[in-house]
């Protein structure tokens, strides 16, 4: 297996390690210890730190020389930090620039962009699953959002609509999230990775099913 392929798989396994069920905005607002430790991309840096700690404790990279280890760690860092939605716009723009020319696999920056794109698609890819499965996980995710919203309300903090159980519903949230975030990413990605075309079609089919429930 190519080392960067291994790094991508490890990143997929580790990218949400020890997630507290709260987002970066909330952690910043309450000045949590995690935010104090990682002021930028708080959760993503925490997940990366946890992964590095486990890798160190288990000696997973013990067979690598210093250069190989550094390369793996750097690649994982760039992949895991890409899951911060604050990076979504810049990564999509980079991906869109490759829609016509395609990726040049001889270029390190294109290999990193490919790995970041695949990681992002996986990270927010629940909506690309068959609807019966996607629906169950959507309910769990939105329930987590509402729990954060309840905390924000209790503390007197402003709530985003997506966190406010009194102002939105799961179908409305799914229609918006698929339409504005997930589907555009998948459609850009499918132009570079045609294998994702079926997933992009499933997204739109799921969006239509959710939309039917908003009436």
N, C-alpha and C. Protein backbone atom coordinates (compact mmCIF):
# COMPACT_ATOMS: atom_id res chain seq x y z
N UNK A 1 0.84 -1.20 0.00
CA UNK A 1 0.00 0.00 0.00
C UNK A 1 0.88 1.25 0.00
N UNK A 2 0.51 2.23 -0.82
CA UNK A 2 1.26 3.48 -0.86
C UNK A 2 1.12 4.20 0.49
N UNK A 3 2.19 4.80 1.01
CA UNK A 3 2.12 5.48 2.32
C UNK A 3 1.02 6.53 2.40
N UNK A 4 0.78 7.27 1.31
CA UNK A 4 -0.26 8.29 1.36
C UNK A 4 -1.66 7.67 1.37
N UNK A 5 -1.81 6.51 0.76
CA UNK A 5 -3.08 5.79 0.86
C UNK A 5 -3.32 5.36 2.31
N UNK A 6 -2.27 4.85 2.95
CA UNK A 6 -2.37 4.46 4.36
C UNK A 6 -2.70 5.67 5.23
N UNK A 7 -2.08 6.82 4.92
CA UNK A 7 -2.35 8.03 5.69
C UNK A 7 -3.79 8.47 5.53
N UNK A 8 -4.34 8.33 4.33
CA UNK A 8 -5.74 8.70 4.10
C UNK A 8 -6.68 7.79 4.89
N UNK A 9 -6.39 6.49 4.89
CA UNK A 9 -7.23 5.55 5.65
C UNK A 9 -7.15 5.85 7.14
N UNK A 10 -5.94 6.09 7.64
CA UNK A 10 -5.78 6.43 9.05
C UNK A 10 -6.53 7.72 9.39
N UNK A 11 -6.47 8.69 8.51
CA UNK A 11 -7.16 9.96 8.74
C UNK A 11 -8.66 9.75 8.81
N UNK A 12 -9.18 8.89 7.94
CA UNK A 12 -10.61 8.60 7.96
C UNK A 12 -11.02 7.96 9.29
N UNK A 13 -10.18 7.08 9.79
CA UNK A 13 -10.46 6.42 11.07
C UNK A 13 -10.41 7.42 12.23
N UNK A 14 -9.47 8.34 12.16
CA UNK A 14 -9.15 9.20 13.31
C UNK A 14 -9.79 10.59 13.26
N UNK A 15 -10.45 10.96 12.18
CA UNK A 15 -10.77 12.38 11.98
C UNK A 15 -11.78 12.95 12.97
N UNK A 16 -12.51 12.11 13.69
CA UNK A 16 -13.46 12.62 14.69
C UNK A 16 -13.18 12.04 16.08
N UNK A 17 -11.96 11.65 16.34
CA UNK A 17 -11.61 11.06 17.64
C UNK A 17 -11.97 11.99 18.80
N UNK A 18 -12.66 11.42 19.80
CA UNK A 18 -12.98 12.15 21.04
C UNK A 18 -13.81 13.40 20.77
N UNK A 19 -14.73 13.31 19.82
CA UNK A 19 -15.60 14.46 19.52
C UNK A 19 -16.58 14.67 20.68
N UNK A 20 -16.69 15.91 21.19
CA UNK A 20 -17.55 16.15 22.36
C UNK A 20 -19.02 16.37 22.02
N UNK A 21 -19.37 16.37 20.71
CA UNK A 21 -20.76 16.62 20.34
C UNK A 21 -21.13 18.09 20.34
N UNK A 22 -20.13 18.96 20.31
CA UNK A 22 -20.32 20.41 20.27
C UNK A 22 -19.45 20.95 19.13
N UNK A 23 -19.84 22.09 18.55
CA UNK A 23 -19.05 22.58 17.43
C UNK A 23 -18.02 23.62 17.85
N UNK A 24 -17.19 24.02 16.91
CA UNK A 24 -16.11 24.96 17.21
C UNK A 24 -16.62 26.30 17.72
N UNK A 25 -17.73 26.75 17.16
CA UNK A 25 -18.29 28.04 17.59
C UNK A 25 -18.66 28.02 19.06
N UNK A 26 -19.31 26.95 19.50
CA UNK A 26 -19.70 26.85 20.90
C UNK A 26 -18.47 26.77 21.81
N UNK A 27 -17.49 25.98 21.40
CA UNK A 27 -16.28 25.84 22.21
C UNK A 27 -15.55 27.17 22.35
N UNK A 28 -15.58 27.97 21.28
CA UNK A 28 -14.97 29.31 21.35
C UNK A 28 -15.77 30.22 22.27
N UNK A 29 -17.10 30.16 22.16
CA UNK A 29 -17.96 31.04 22.96
C UNK A 29 -17.75 30.81 24.45
N UNK A 30 -17.63 29.55 24.86
CA UNK A 30 -17.48 29.25 26.29
C UNK A 30 -16.00 29.24 26.71
N UNK A 31 -15.11 29.52 25.74
CA UNK A 31 -13.67 29.50 26.00
C UNK A 31 -13.26 28.19 26.68
N UNK A 32 -13.66 27.10 26.06
CA UNK A 32 -13.38 25.78 26.61
C UNK A 32 -11.88 25.52 26.62
N UNK A 33 -11.42 24.59 27.44
CA UNK A 33 -9.99 24.25 27.44
C UNK A 33 -9.50 23.82 26.05
N UNK A 34 -10.35 23.15 25.29
CA UNK A 34 -9.94 22.75 23.94
C UNK A 34 -9.70 23.97 23.07
N UNK A 35 -10.57 24.98 23.18
CA UNK A 35 -10.39 26.20 22.40
C UNK A 35 -9.12 26.94 22.82
N UNK A 36 -8.87 26.98 24.12
CA UNK A 36 -7.66 27.63 24.61
C UNK A 36 -6.42 26.93 24.06
N UNK A 37 -6.48 25.61 24.00
CA UNK A 37 -5.34 24.84 23.49
C UNK A 37 -5.20 24.97 21.97
N UNK A 38 -6.35 24.97 21.28
CA UNK A 38 -6.35 25.02 19.81
C UNK A 38 -7.31 26.11 19.34
N UNK A 39 -6.86 27.37 19.30
CA UNK A 39 -7.77 28.46 18.92
C UNK A 39 -8.26 28.39 17.48
N UNK A 40 -7.50 27.73 16.63
CA UNK A 40 -7.88 27.59 15.22
C UNK A 40 -8.24 26.13 14.93
N UNK A 41 -9.36 25.92 14.20
CA UNK A 41 -9.80 24.55 13.90
C UNK A 41 -9.73 23.69 15.17
N UNK A 42 -10.43 24.15 16.19
CA UNK A 42 -10.31 23.56 17.52
C UNK A 42 -10.52 22.04 17.53
N UNK A 43 -11.66 21.61 17.06
CA UNK A 43 -11.96 20.18 17.11
C UNK A 43 -11.03 19.38 16.22
N UNK A 44 -10.78 19.89 15.04
CA UNK A 44 -9.95 19.16 14.09
C UNK A 44 -8.53 18.99 14.61
N UNK A 45 -7.99 20.03 15.23
CA UNK A 45 -6.67 19.90 15.83
C UNK A 45 -6.68 18.95 17.02
N UNK A 46 -7.79 18.92 17.75
CA UNK A 46 -7.90 17.97 18.86
C UNK A 46 -7.95 16.53 18.34
N UNK A 47 -8.72 16.29 17.29
CA UNK A 47 -8.78 14.95 16.71
C UNK A 47 -7.38 14.52 16.24
N UNK A 48 -6.68 15.44 15.59
CA UNK A 48 -5.33 15.15 15.11
C UNK A 48 -4.40 14.85 16.27
N UNK A 49 -4.50 15.64 17.34
CA UNK A 49 -3.64 15.43 18.51
C UNK A 49 -3.90 14.07 19.13
N UNK A 50 -5.18 13.69 19.22
CA UNK A 50 -5.52 12.38 19.76
C UNK A 50 -4.95 11.26 18.89
N UNK A 51 -5.06 11.44 17.58
CA UNK A 51 -4.52 10.43 16.66
C UNK A 51 -3.02 10.30 16.82
N UNK A 52 -2.33 11.43 16.91
CA UNK A 52 -0.88 11.40 17.07
C UNK A 52 -0.48 10.72 18.37
N UNK A 53 -1.25 10.96 19.43
CA UNK A 53 -0.96 10.34 20.71
C UNK A 53 -1.10 8.82 20.64
N UNK A 54 -2.18 8.36 20.02
CA UNK A 54 -2.41 6.91 19.91
C UNK A 54 -1.35 6.27 19.02
N UNK A 55 -1.02 6.93 17.92
CA UNK A 55 0.01 6.40 17.02
C UNK A 55 1.34 6.29 17.76
N UNK A 56 1.65 7.31 18.57
CA UNK A 56 2.89 7.28 19.34
C UNK A 56 2.90 6.17 20.38
N UNK A 57 1.78 6.01 21.08
CA UNK A 57 1.69 5.00 22.13
C UNK A 57 1.76 3.59 21.59
N UNK A 58 1.21 3.38 20.42
CA UNK A 58 1.16 2.03 19.85
C UNK A 58 2.38 1.70 18.99
N UNK A 59 3.18 2.71 18.70
CA UNK A 59 4.35 2.49 17.85
C UNK A 59 4.00 2.16 16.41
N UNK A 60 2.85 2.69 15.96
CA UNK A 60 2.36 2.36 14.62
C UNK A 60 3.34 2.77 13.52
N UNK A 61 4.06 3.87 13.75
CA UNK A 61 5.00 4.36 12.74
C UNK A 61 6.44 3.94 13.05
N UNK A 62 6.61 3.00 13.95
CA UNK A 62 7.96 2.63 14.41
C UNK A 62 8.84 2.11 13.27
N UNK A 63 8.23 1.51 12.27
CA UNK A 63 9.02 0.96 11.17
C UNK A 63 9.40 1.96 10.11
N UNK A 64 8.99 3.22 10.27
CA UNK A 64 9.30 4.25 9.28
C UNK A 64 10.55 5.00 9.68
N UNK A 65 11.30 5.47 8.68
CA UNK A 65 12.43 6.34 9.01
C UNK A 65 11.90 7.74 9.25
N UNK A 66 12.76 8.66 9.66
CA UNK A 66 12.34 9.99 10.08
C UNK A 66 11.62 10.74 8.96
N UNK A 67 12.11 10.60 7.73
CA UNK A 67 11.50 11.29 6.60
C UNK A 67 10.12 10.74 6.29
N UNK A 68 9.98 9.42 6.31
CA UNK A 68 8.69 8.80 6.04
C UNK A 68 7.66 9.15 7.12
N UNK A 69 8.11 9.13 8.35
CA UNK A 69 7.22 9.48 9.46
C UNK A 69 6.74 10.92 9.34
N UNK A 70 7.66 11.83 9.05
CA UNK A 70 7.30 13.24 8.90
C UNK A 70 6.31 13.43 7.76
N UNK A 71 6.52 12.71 6.65
CA UNK A 71 5.63 12.82 5.50
C UNK A 71 4.23 12.32 5.84
N UNK A 72 4.14 11.18 6.53
CA UNK A 72 2.85 10.63 6.93
C UNK A 72 2.11 11.58 7.86
N UNK A 73 2.83 12.12 8.85
CA UNK A 73 2.20 13.02 9.82
C UNK A 73 1.70 14.29 9.14
N UNK A 74 2.49 14.83 8.21
CA UNK A 74 2.10 16.04 7.50
C UNK A 74 0.86 15.78 6.63
N UNK A 75 0.85 14.65 5.95
CA UNK A 75 -0.27 14.31 5.08
C UNK A 75 -1.54 14.15 5.91
N UNK A 76 -1.45 13.45 7.04
CA UNK A 76 -2.61 13.27 7.90
C UNK A 76 -3.12 14.60 8.43
N UNK A 77 -2.21 15.47 8.81
CA UNK A 77 -2.61 16.78 9.33
C UNK A 77 -3.41 17.55 8.30
N UNK A 78 -2.93 17.58 7.07
CA UNK A 78 -3.62 18.33 6.03
C UNK A 78 -4.98 17.73 5.70
N UNK A 79 -5.11 16.42 5.83
CA UNK A 79 -6.39 15.76 5.55
C UNK A 79 -7.39 16.02 6.67
N UNK A 80 -6.98 15.81 7.91
CA UNK A 80 -7.90 15.95 9.03
C UNK A 80 -8.33 17.41 9.22
N UNK A 81 -7.41 18.36 9.09
CA UNK A 81 -7.78 19.77 9.24
C UNK A 81 -8.72 20.22 8.13
N UNK A 82 -8.70 19.53 6.99
CA UNK A 82 -9.59 19.89 5.89
C UNK A 82 -11.05 19.63 6.22
N UNK A 83 -11.33 18.83 7.25
CA UNK A 83 -12.72 18.55 7.60
C UNK A 83 -13.37 19.70 8.35
N UNK A 84 -12.61 20.72 8.73
CA UNK A 84 -13.19 21.93 9.32
C UNK A 84 -14.00 22.63 8.23
N UNK A 85 -15.29 22.84 8.47
CA UNK A 85 -16.12 23.47 7.45
C UNK A 85 -15.68 24.89 7.14
N UNK A 86 -14.86 25.48 8.01
CA UNK A 86 -14.30 26.80 7.70
C UNK A 86 -13.37 26.73 6.49
N UNK A 87 -12.87 25.52 6.18
CA UNK A 87 -11.99 25.33 5.02
C UNK A 87 -12.75 24.92 3.77
N UNK A 88 -14.07 24.77 3.91
CA UNK A 88 -14.88 24.21 2.82
C UNK A 88 -14.76 25.03 1.53
N UNK A 89 -14.89 26.33 1.65
CA UNK A 89 -14.90 27.20 0.46
C UNK A 89 -13.58 27.13 -0.29
N UNK A 90 -12.48 27.22 0.43
CA UNK A 90 -11.17 27.24 -0.23
C UNK A 90 -10.87 25.90 -0.91
N UNK A 91 -11.28 24.80 -0.28
CA UNK A 91 -11.03 23.49 -0.88
C UNK A 91 -11.91 23.29 -2.10
N UNK A 92 -13.16 23.75 -2.03
CA UNK A 92 -14.02 23.64 -3.21
C UNK A 92 -13.48 24.47 -4.37
N UNK A 93 -12.97 25.65 -4.08
CA UNK A 93 -12.41 26.48 -5.14
C UNK A 93 -11.21 25.80 -5.79
N UNK A 94 -10.36 25.20 -4.98
CA UNK A 94 -9.21 24.47 -5.53
C UNK A 94 -9.67 23.30 -6.38
N UNK A 95 -10.72 22.62 -5.92
CA UNK A 95 -11.24 21.47 -6.66
C UNK A 95 -11.88 21.92 -7.97
N UNK A 96 -12.60 23.03 -7.93
CA UNK A 96 -13.25 23.53 -9.15
C UNK A 96 -12.22 23.89 -10.22
N UNK A 97 -11.06 24.34 -9.78
CA UNK A 97 -10.01 24.70 -10.75
C UNK A 97 -9.48 23.48 -11.48
N UNK A 98 -9.80 22.29 -10.97
CA UNK A 98 -9.32 21.04 -11.58
C UNK A 98 -10.40 20.34 -12.40
N UNK A 99 -11.59 20.93 -12.49
CA UNK A 99 -12.69 20.26 -13.17
C UNK A 99 -12.38 20.02 -14.65
N UNK A 100 -11.70 20.97 -15.27
CA UNK A 100 -11.40 20.84 -16.69
C UNK A 100 -10.09 20.09 -16.92
N UNK A 101 -9.07 20.48 -16.18
CA UNK A 101 -7.74 19.92 -16.42
C UNK A 101 -7.54 18.56 -15.77
N UNK A 102 -8.29 18.29 -14.70
CA UNK A 102 -8.08 17.07 -13.94
C UNK A 102 -6.89 17.21 -13.00
N UNK A 103 -6.68 16.20 -12.19
CA UNK A 103 -5.58 16.20 -11.23
C UNK A 103 -4.31 15.69 -11.87
N UNK A 104 -3.20 16.30 -11.50
CA UNK A 104 -1.88 15.84 -11.95
C UNK A 104 -1.28 15.06 -10.79
N UNK A 105 -1.34 13.73 -10.88
CA UNK A 105 -0.92 12.90 -9.76
C UNK A 105 0.57 12.97 -9.48
N UNK A 106 1.32 13.59 -10.37
CA UNK A 106 2.76 13.76 -10.12
C UNK A 106 3.03 14.95 -9.20
N UNK A 107 1.99 15.78 -8.98
CA UNK A 107 2.16 16.98 -8.17
C UNK A 107 1.67 16.74 -6.74
N UNK A 108 2.54 16.97 -5.74
CA UNK A 108 2.13 16.73 -4.34
C UNK A 108 0.88 17.48 -3.94
N UNK A 109 0.74 18.73 -4.40
CA UNK A 109 -0.43 19.52 -4.00
C UNK A 109 -1.72 18.94 -4.56
N UNK A 110 -1.65 18.31 -5.73
CA UNK A 110 -2.85 17.68 -6.28
C UNK A 110 -3.20 16.40 -5.54
N UNK A 111 -2.20 15.67 -5.10
CA UNK A 111 -2.47 14.46 -4.32
C UNK A 111 -3.08 14.84 -2.97
N UNK A 112 -2.60 15.92 -2.39
CA UNK A 112 -3.18 16.38 -1.12
C UNK A 112 -4.63 16.82 -1.34
N UNK A 113 -4.87 17.58 -2.42
CA UNK A 113 -6.24 18.03 -2.71
C UNK A 113 -7.16 16.84 -2.92
N UNK A 114 -6.68 15.81 -3.61
CA UNK A 114 -7.49 14.61 -3.83
C UNK A 114 -7.85 13.95 -2.50
N UNK A 115 -6.87 13.81 -1.62
CA UNK A 115 -7.11 13.19 -0.32
C UNK A 115 -8.07 14.04 0.52
N UNK A 116 -7.89 15.35 0.50
CA UNK A 116 -8.78 16.24 1.26
C UNK A 116 -10.21 16.14 0.74
N UNK A 117 -10.35 16.09 -0.58
CA UNK A 117 -11.68 15.99 -1.18
C UNK A 117 -12.38 14.70 -0.79
N UNK A 118 -11.67 13.59 -0.88
CA UNK A 118 -12.26 12.30 -0.52
C UNK A 118 -12.61 12.26 0.97
N UNK A 119 -11.74 12.84 1.80
CA UNK A 119 -12.00 12.87 3.23
C UNK A 119 -13.24 13.71 3.53
N UNK A 120 -13.36 14.87 2.88
CA UNK A 120 -14.52 15.73 3.10
C UNK A 120 -15.80 15.04 2.63
N UNK A 121 -15.74 14.39 1.48
CA UNK A 121 -16.92 13.68 0.98
C UNK A 121 -17.35 12.58 1.96
N UNK A 122 -16.39 11.90 2.53
CA UNK A 122 -16.71 10.87 3.51
C UNK A 122 -17.26 11.48 4.79
N UNK A 123 -16.67 12.59 5.22
CA UNK A 123 -17.04 13.23 6.48
C UNK A 123 -18.50 13.69 6.48
N UNK A 124 -18.94 14.26 5.36
CA UNK A 124 -20.32 14.76 5.30
C UNK A 124 -21.16 13.90 4.35
N UNK A 125 -20.73 12.66 4.17
CA UNK A 125 -21.33 11.80 3.17
C UNK A 125 -22.53 11.00 3.61
N UNK A 126 -23.04 11.21 4.82
CA UNK A 126 -24.21 10.45 5.23
C UNK A 126 -25.35 10.63 4.24
N UNK A 127 -25.48 11.84 3.70
CA UNK A 127 -26.58 12.13 2.79
C UNK A 127 -26.46 11.40 1.46
N UNK A 128 -25.31 10.77 1.21
CA UNK A 128 -25.13 10.01 -0.03
C UNK A 128 -25.45 8.53 0.15
N UNK A 129 -25.83 8.15 1.36
CA UNK A 129 -26.20 6.76 1.61
C UNK A 129 -27.64 6.51 1.16
N UNK A 130 -28.02 5.23 1.00
CA UNK A 130 -29.43 4.94 0.74
C UNK A 130 -30.30 5.61 1.81
N UNK A 131 -31.46 6.10 1.40
CA UNK A 131 -32.25 6.97 2.27
C UNK A 131 -32.59 6.34 3.61
N UNK A 132 -32.93 5.07 3.62
CA UNK A 132 -33.33 4.42 4.87
C UNK A 132 -32.22 4.48 5.91
N UNK A 133 -30.98 4.34 5.48
CA UNK A 133 -29.84 4.42 6.39
C UNK A 133 -29.50 5.87 6.70
N UNK A 134 -29.48 6.70 5.67
CA UNK A 134 -29.16 8.11 5.85
C UNK A 134 -30.12 8.79 6.82
N UNK A 135 -31.39 8.43 6.73
CA UNK A 135 -32.40 9.04 7.60
C UNK A 135 -32.10 8.78 9.07
N UNK A 136 -31.70 7.57 9.40
CA UNK A 136 -31.43 7.24 10.81
C UNK A 136 -30.28 8.08 11.35
N UNK A 137 -29.21 8.22 10.56
CA UNK A 137 -28.07 8.99 11.04
C UNK A 137 -28.36 10.49 11.03
N UNK A 138 -29.17 10.95 10.10
CA UNK A 138 -29.55 12.37 10.09
C UNK A 138 -30.29 12.72 11.38
N UNK A 139 -31.17 11.83 11.81
CA UNK A 139 -31.91 12.06 13.05
C UNK A 139 -30.96 12.16 14.24
N UNK A 140 -29.94 11.30 14.27
CA UNK A 140 -28.97 11.34 15.37
C UNK A 140 -28.15 12.63 15.34
N UNK A 141 -27.74 13.03 14.14
CA UNK A 141 -26.92 14.24 14.01
C UNK A 141 -27.71 15.48 14.42
N UNK A 142 -28.94 15.60 13.93
CA UNK A 142 -29.75 16.78 14.27
C UNK A 142 -30.09 16.78 15.75
N UNK A 143 -30.29 15.61 16.34
CA UNK A 143 -30.53 15.54 17.79
C UNK A 143 -29.33 16.10 18.54
N UNK A 144 -28.13 15.80 18.07
CA UNK A 144 -26.92 16.35 18.68
C UNK A 144 -26.89 17.87 18.55
N UNK A 145 -27.28 18.38 17.37
CA UNK A 145 -27.34 19.82 17.17
C UNK A 145 -28.32 20.46 18.15
N UNK A 146 -29.49 19.84 18.29
CA UNK A 146 -30.51 20.40 19.18
C UNK A 146 -30.04 20.40 20.63
N UNK A 147 -29.27 19.39 21.01
CA UNK A 147 -28.74 19.35 22.38
C UNK A 147 -27.79 20.52 22.61
N UNK A 148 -26.97 20.85 21.60
CA UNK A 148 -26.12 22.04 21.75
C UNK A 148 -26.98 23.29 21.83
N UNK A 149 -28.02 23.36 21.00
CA UNK A 149 -28.92 24.51 21.04
C UNK A 149 -29.58 24.68 22.39
N UNK A 150 -29.94 23.59 23.02
CA UNK A 150 -30.53 23.66 24.37
C UNK A 150 -29.54 24.25 25.36
N UNK A 151 -28.27 23.86 25.24
CA UNK A 151 -27.24 24.43 26.11
C UNK A 151 -27.08 25.93 25.85
N UNK A 152 -27.06 26.30 24.59
CA UNK A 152 -26.91 27.73 24.25
C UNK A 152 -28.07 28.55 24.79
N UNK A 153 -29.27 28.00 24.68
CA UNK A 153 -30.44 28.70 25.21
C UNK A 153 -30.34 28.83 26.73
N UNK A 154 -29.90 27.77 27.39
CA UNK A 154 -29.79 27.79 28.86
C UNK A 154 -28.76 28.82 29.32
N UNK A 155 -27.68 28.98 28.53
CA UNK A 155 -26.63 29.94 28.90
C UNK A 155 -26.92 31.35 28.39
N UNK A 156 -27.99 31.51 27.61
CA UNK A 156 -28.31 32.83 27.07
C UNK A 156 -27.49 33.21 25.85
N UNK A 157 -26.90 32.23 25.17
CA UNK A 157 -26.11 32.50 23.97
C UNK A 157 -27.02 32.51 22.75
N UNK A 158 -26.63 33.25 21.71
CA UNK A 158 -27.43 33.21 20.47
C UNK A 158 -27.37 31.83 19.82
N UNK A 159 -28.49 31.44 19.21
CA UNK A 159 -28.60 30.12 18.58
C UNK A 159 -28.66 30.28 17.06
N UNK A 160 -27.95 29.42 16.36
CA UNK A 160 -28.19 29.28 14.93
C UNK A 160 -29.49 28.52 14.75
N UNK A 161 -30.22 28.81 13.68
CA UNK A 161 -31.49 28.13 13.44
C UNK A 161 -31.33 26.62 13.42
N UNK A 162 -30.21 26.14 12.86
CA UNK A 162 -30.03 24.70 12.74
C UNK A 162 -29.86 24.02 14.10
N UNK A 163 -29.58 24.81 15.14
CA UNK A 163 -29.43 24.26 16.48
C UNK A 163 -30.69 24.45 17.33
N UNK A 164 -31.68 25.15 16.79
CA UNK A 164 -32.85 25.54 17.57
C UNK A 164 -34.04 24.64 17.24
N UNK A 165 -34.38 23.76 18.16
CA UNK A 165 -35.46 22.80 17.92
C UNK A 165 -36.82 23.49 17.77
N UNK A 166 -36.93 24.75 18.18
CA UNK A 166 -38.21 25.47 18.06
C UNK A 166 -38.36 26.16 16.71
N UNK A 167 -37.29 26.20 15.91
CA UNK A 167 -37.34 26.97 14.66
C UNK A 167 -37.10 26.15 13.40
N UNK A 168 -36.72 24.90 13.55
CA UNK A 168 -36.44 24.10 12.36
C UNK A 168 -36.87 22.66 12.58
N UNK A 169 -36.78 21.89 11.52
CA UNK A 169 -37.10 20.47 11.57
C UNK A 169 -35.99 19.71 10.85
N UNK A 170 -35.96 18.42 11.07
CA UNK A 170 -34.94 17.60 10.40
C UNK A 170 -35.07 17.68 8.88
N UNK A 171 -36.26 17.55 8.30
CA UNK A 171 -36.35 17.67 6.83
C UNK A 171 -35.84 19.00 6.30
N UNK A 172 -36.19 20.10 6.95
CA UNK A 172 -35.72 21.41 6.48
C UNK A 172 -34.20 21.51 6.55
N UNK A 173 -33.63 21.02 7.63
CA UNK A 173 -32.17 21.06 7.77
C UNK A 173 -31.49 20.22 6.71
N UNK A 174 -32.04 19.05 6.43
CA UNK A 174 -31.43 18.17 5.44
C UNK A 174 -31.51 18.75 4.04
N UNK A 175 -32.64 19.34 3.69
CA UNK A 175 -32.79 19.96 2.37
C UNK A 175 -31.74 21.05 2.19
N UNK A 176 -31.58 21.90 3.20
CA UNK A 176 -30.63 23.00 3.10
C UNK A 176 -29.18 22.52 3.09
N UNK A 177 -28.87 21.58 3.96
CA UNK A 177 -27.49 21.09 4.07
C UNK A 177 -27.07 20.38 2.79
N UNK A 178 -27.95 19.55 2.26
CA UNK A 178 -27.62 18.87 1.00
C UNK A 178 -27.48 19.88 -0.12
N UNK A 179 -28.42 20.81 -0.20
CA UNK A 179 -28.43 21.76 -1.32
C UNK A 179 -27.27 22.73 -1.33
N UNK A 180 -26.88 23.21 -0.16
CA UNK A 180 -25.87 24.27 -0.11
C UNK A 180 -24.46 23.78 0.20
N UNK A 181 -24.34 22.60 0.82
CA UNK A 181 -23.01 22.14 1.24
C UNK A 181 -22.63 20.82 0.55
N UNK A 182 -23.43 19.80 0.76
CA UNK A 182 -23.00 18.45 0.35
C UNK A 182 -23.06 18.24 -1.16
N UNK A 183 -24.20 18.50 -1.77
CA UNK A 183 -24.34 18.23 -3.20
C UNK A 183 -23.36 19.02 -4.06
N UNK A 184 -23.15 20.33 -3.81
CA UNK A 184 -22.17 21.05 -4.62
C UNK A 184 -20.76 20.46 -4.52
N UNK A 185 -20.37 20.03 -3.31
CA UNK A 185 -19.06 19.39 -3.16
C UNK A 185 -19.00 18.10 -3.96
N UNK A 186 -20.02 17.27 -3.83
CA UNK A 186 -20.01 15.98 -4.53
C UNK A 186 -20.03 16.18 -6.04
N UNK A 187 -20.74 17.17 -6.52
CA UNK A 187 -20.81 17.39 -7.96
C UNK A 187 -19.47 17.87 -8.51
N UNK A 188 -18.78 18.73 -7.74
CA UNK A 188 -17.43 19.12 -8.13
C UNK A 188 -16.49 17.91 -8.08
N UNK A 189 -16.62 17.12 -7.02
CA UNK A 189 -15.75 15.96 -6.86
C UNK A 189 -16.00 14.93 -7.96
N UNK A 190 -17.26 14.75 -8.34
CA UNK A 190 -17.59 13.76 -9.37
C UNK A 190 -17.03 14.15 -10.73
N UNK A 191 -16.81 15.46 -10.95
CA UNK A 191 -16.20 15.89 -12.20
C UNK A 191 -14.74 15.46 -12.28
N UNK A 192 -14.12 15.29 -11.12
CA UNK A 192 -12.72 14.86 -11.06
C UNK A 192 -12.62 13.37 -10.80
N UNK A 193 -13.55 12.86 -9.97
CA UNK A 193 -13.63 11.43 -9.65
C UNK A 193 -14.98 10.90 -10.15
N UNK A 194 -15.07 10.46 -11.40
CA UNK A 194 -16.37 10.00 -11.94
C UNK A 194 -17.02 8.90 -11.12
N UNK A 195 -16.21 8.17 -10.34
CA UNK A 195 -16.77 7.10 -9.52
C UNK A 195 -17.78 7.63 -8.50
N UNK A 196 -17.74 8.94 -8.22
CA UNK A 196 -18.65 9.52 -7.23
C UNK A 196 -19.97 9.97 -7.85
N UNK A 197 -20.16 9.75 -9.14
CA UNK A 197 -21.37 10.23 -9.82
C UNK A 197 -22.63 9.61 -9.23
N UNK A 198 -22.59 8.31 -8.94
CA UNK A 198 -23.77 7.66 -8.36
C UNK A 198 -24.10 8.22 -6.99
N UNK A 199 -23.06 8.52 -6.20
CA UNK A 199 -23.29 9.11 -4.88
C UNK A 199 -23.93 10.49 -5.03
N UNK A 200 -23.47 11.27 -6.01
CA UNK A 200 -24.05 12.60 -6.25
C UNK A 200 -25.52 12.48 -6.64
N UNK A 201 -25.86 11.48 -7.43
CA UNK A 201 -27.26 11.24 -7.80
C UNK A 201 -28.09 10.83 -6.59
N UNK A 202 -27.52 10.00 -5.72
CA UNK A 202 -28.24 9.58 -4.51
C UNK A 202 -28.53 10.77 -3.61
N UNK A 203 -27.58 11.70 -3.54
CA UNK A 203 -27.78 12.91 -2.75
C UNK A 203 -29.03 13.67 -3.19
N UNK A 204 -29.13 13.88 -4.49
CA UNK A 204 -30.26 14.64 -5.00
C UNK A 204 -31.58 13.88 -4.80
N UNK A 205 -31.53 12.56 -4.93
CA UNK A 205 -32.73 11.76 -4.67
C UNK A 205 -33.14 11.87 -3.21
N UNK A 206 -32.16 11.83 -2.30
CA UNK A 206 -32.45 11.97 -0.88
C UNK A 206 -33.01 13.37 -0.58
N UNK A 207 -32.42 14.37 -1.22
CA UNK A 207 -32.89 15.74 -1.00
C UNK A 207 -34.36 15.86 -1.39
N UNK A 208 -34.75 15.24 -2.50
CA UNK A 208 -36.15 15.28 -2.94
C UNK A 208 -37.07 14.60 -1.92
N UNK A 209 -36.61 13.50 -1.35
CA UNK A 209 -37.42 12.81 -0.34
C UNK A 209 -37.58 13.66 0.92
N UNK A 210 -36.51 14.31 1.34
CA UNK A 210 -36.60 15.20 2.49
C UNK A 210 -37.52 16.38 2.19
N UNK A 211 -37.40 16.93 0.98
CA UNK A 211 -38.21 18.09 0.61
C UNK A 211 -39.68 17.76 0.65
N UNK A 212 -40.03 16.53 0.24
CA UNK A 212 -41.43 16.11 0.27
C UNK A 212 -41.99 16.11 1.69
N UNK A 213 -41.11 15.97 2.67
CA UNK A 213 -41.56 15.93 4.07
C UNK A 213 -41.67 17.31 4.69
N UNK A 214 -41.25 18.33 3.96
CA UNK A 214 -41.35 19.70 4.50
C UNK A 214 -42.72 20.31 4.26
N UNK A 215 -43.53 19.67 3.44
CA UNK A 215 -44.85 20.24 3.11
C UNK A 215 -45.87 19.91 4.19
